[in-house]
Amino acid sequence: MRCAFSSATSGVAAPRTIVFMARSGARIGLGVSEGTIALVDRDGRGVVHGAGPVHLVVAARKPEVLKPLTFRGLRIVRLEAGATFDLRKIGGGKTIEVVEGRLTESPY
């Protein structure tokens, strides 16, 4: 399972993660806020600890264009401290797109 990980201050974790996913070809990304950690075991099960959220980003397909980025069918799941997750079975969240380098709506 290929995953992209990024950390950033609140408000930019999900967009940074989307760019890393596009560049690396990862289908799952974890945007981890400052002061937060996502612990993931070898089976893909994890838990969030810390002050801020983790944004799980799931790509339904590969990006269409890298420059400027067009990446459709992205699902964002916000996980607060104490939340548990399974990278093999990610449900819920909000669907967004990046078109010509711009998010179609806020991932938050």
Protein backbone atom coordinates (compact mmCIF):
# COMPACT_ATOMS: atom_id res chain seq x y z
CA MET A 1 0.00 0.00 0.00
CA ARG A 2 1.58 3.30 -1.09
CA CYS A 3 0.75 6.26 1.18
CA ALA A 4 1.87 9.88 1.18
CA PHE A 5 2.42 11.66 4.50
CA SER A 6 2.75 15.36 5.13
CA SER A 7 2.70 17.59 8.16
CA ALA A 8 1.83 21.25 8.30
CA THR A 9 0.21 23.92 10.37
CA SER A 10 -3.56 23.81 10.54
CA GLY A 11 -5.25 24.80 7.29
CA VAL A 12 -2.71 23.48 4.80
CA ALA A 13 -2.25 19.81 5.70
CA ALA A 14 -4.82 18.47 3.21
CA PRO A 15 -3.69 20.59 0.19
CA ARG A 16 -0.02 19.67 0.78
CA THR A 17 -0.97 16.02 1.05
CA ILE A 18 -2.87 16.17 -2.26
CA VAL A 19 0.22 17.55 -4.04
CA PHE A 20 2.46 14.85 -2.50
CA MET A 21 -0.03 12.18 -3.57
CA ALA A 22 -0.11 13.48 -7.15
CA ARG A 23 3.69 13.53 -7.39
CA SER A 24 4.24 10.11 -5.78
CA GLY A 25 1.32 8.17 -7.24
CA ALA A 26 -0.03 7.34 -3.76
CA ARG A 27 -3.75 6.54 -3.52
CA ILE A 28 -3.97 7.36 0.21
CA GLY A 29 -2.52 10.36 2.02
CA LEU A 30 -2.35 11.48 5.63
CA GLY A 31 -2.16 15.22 6.31
CA VAL A 32 -1.05 15.56 9.92
CA SER A 33 -1.49 18.87 11.75
CA GLU A 34 1.24 20.39 13.89
CA GLY A 35 1.30 18.86 17.38
CA THR A 36 -0.47 15.71 16.18
CA ILE A 37 0.54 12.17 15.28
CA ALA A 38 -1.17 9.31 13.47
CA LEU A 39 0.12 5.93 14.60
CA VAL A 40 -0.44 3.24 11.96
CA ASP A 41 0.35 -0.45 12.38
CA ARG A 42 1.55 -2.75 9.60
CA ASP A 43 -2.05 -3.83 8.90
CA GLY A 44 -3.16 -0.25 8.18
CA ARG A 45 -5.05 0.32 11.43
CA GLY A 46 -4.34 3.58 13.19
CA VAL A 47 -5.21 6.07 15.89
CA VAL A 48 -4.87 9.86 16.10
CA HIS A 49 -3.19 11.56 19.10
CA GLY A 50 -2.50 15.22 19.73
CA ALA A 51 -3.80 18.74 19.43
CA GLY A 52 -5.02 18.95 15.84
CA PRO A 53 -6.79 16.81 13.26
CA VAL A 54 -5.47 14.36 10.70
CA HIS A 55 -6.94 14.58 7.20
CA LEU A 56 -7.09 11.27 5.38
CA VAL A 57 -7.15 11.82 1.60
CA VAL A 58 -8.27 9.00 -0.70
CA ALA A 59 -7.84 9.22 -4.49
CA ALA A 60 -10.38 7.41 -6.64
CA ARG A 61 -8.11 7.78 -9.69
CA LYS A 62 -4.77 9.15 -10.84
CA PRO A 63 -4.33 12.89 -11.46
CA GLU A 64 -5.25 14.00 -14.99
CA VAL A 65 -2.61 16.73 -15.29
CA LEU A 66 0.34 17.53 -13.01
CA LYS A 67 1.01 21.18 -14.03
CA PRO A 68 -1.25 22.89 -13.22
CA LEU A 69 -2.63 20.07 -11.12
CA THR A 70 -6.00 18.57 -12.03
CA PHE A 71 -6.94 15.77 -9.64
CA ARG A 72 -10.58 14.65 -9.45
CA GLY A 73 -12.42 12.28 -7.14
CA LEU A 74 -10.57 13.02 -3.91
CA ARG A 75 -12.26 12.10 -0.65
CA ILE A 76 -11.21 13.91 2.55
CA VAL A 77 -11.93 12.40 5.98
CA ARG A 78 -11.20 14.54 9.04
CA LEU A 79 -10.07 12.58 12.10
CA GLU A 80 -9.84 14.20 15.53
CA ALA A 81 -7.71 13.10 18.49
CA GLY A 82 -8.75 9.65 19.70
CA ALA A 83 -10.23 8.63 16.33
CA THR A 84 -9.34 5.20 15.01
CA PHE A 85 -9.18 4.25 11.33
CA ASP A 86 -8.38 1.41 8.97
CA LEU A 87 -6.57 2.35 5.74
CA ARG A 88 -8.03 -0.74 4.06
CA LYS A 89 -11.64 0.37 4.76
CA ILE A 90 -11.98 4.16 4.63
CA GLY A 91 -15.55 5.40 4.63
CA GLY A 92 -17.32 8.74 4.80
CA GLY A 93 -15.78 12.11 4.19
CA LYS A 94 -16.22 14.91 1.70
CA THR A 95 -15.49 14.66 -2.04
CA ILE A 96 -13.49 17.48 -3.63
CA GLU A 97 -11.48 18.14 -6.79
CA VAL A 98 -8.46 20.14 -7.81
CA VAL A 99 -8.91 21.76 -11.23
CA GLU A 100 -6.05 23.68 -12.84
CA GLY A 101 -4.27 24.04 -9.50
CA ARG A 102 -7.27 25.22 -7.47
CA LEU A 103 -9.46 23.38 -5.01
CA THR A 104 -13.11 23.41 -6.12
CA GLU A 105 -14.11 23.89 -2.46
CA SER A 106 -12.53 23.88 0.96
CA PRO A 107 -11.35 20.46 2.10
CA TYR A 108 -12.23 21.42 5.68
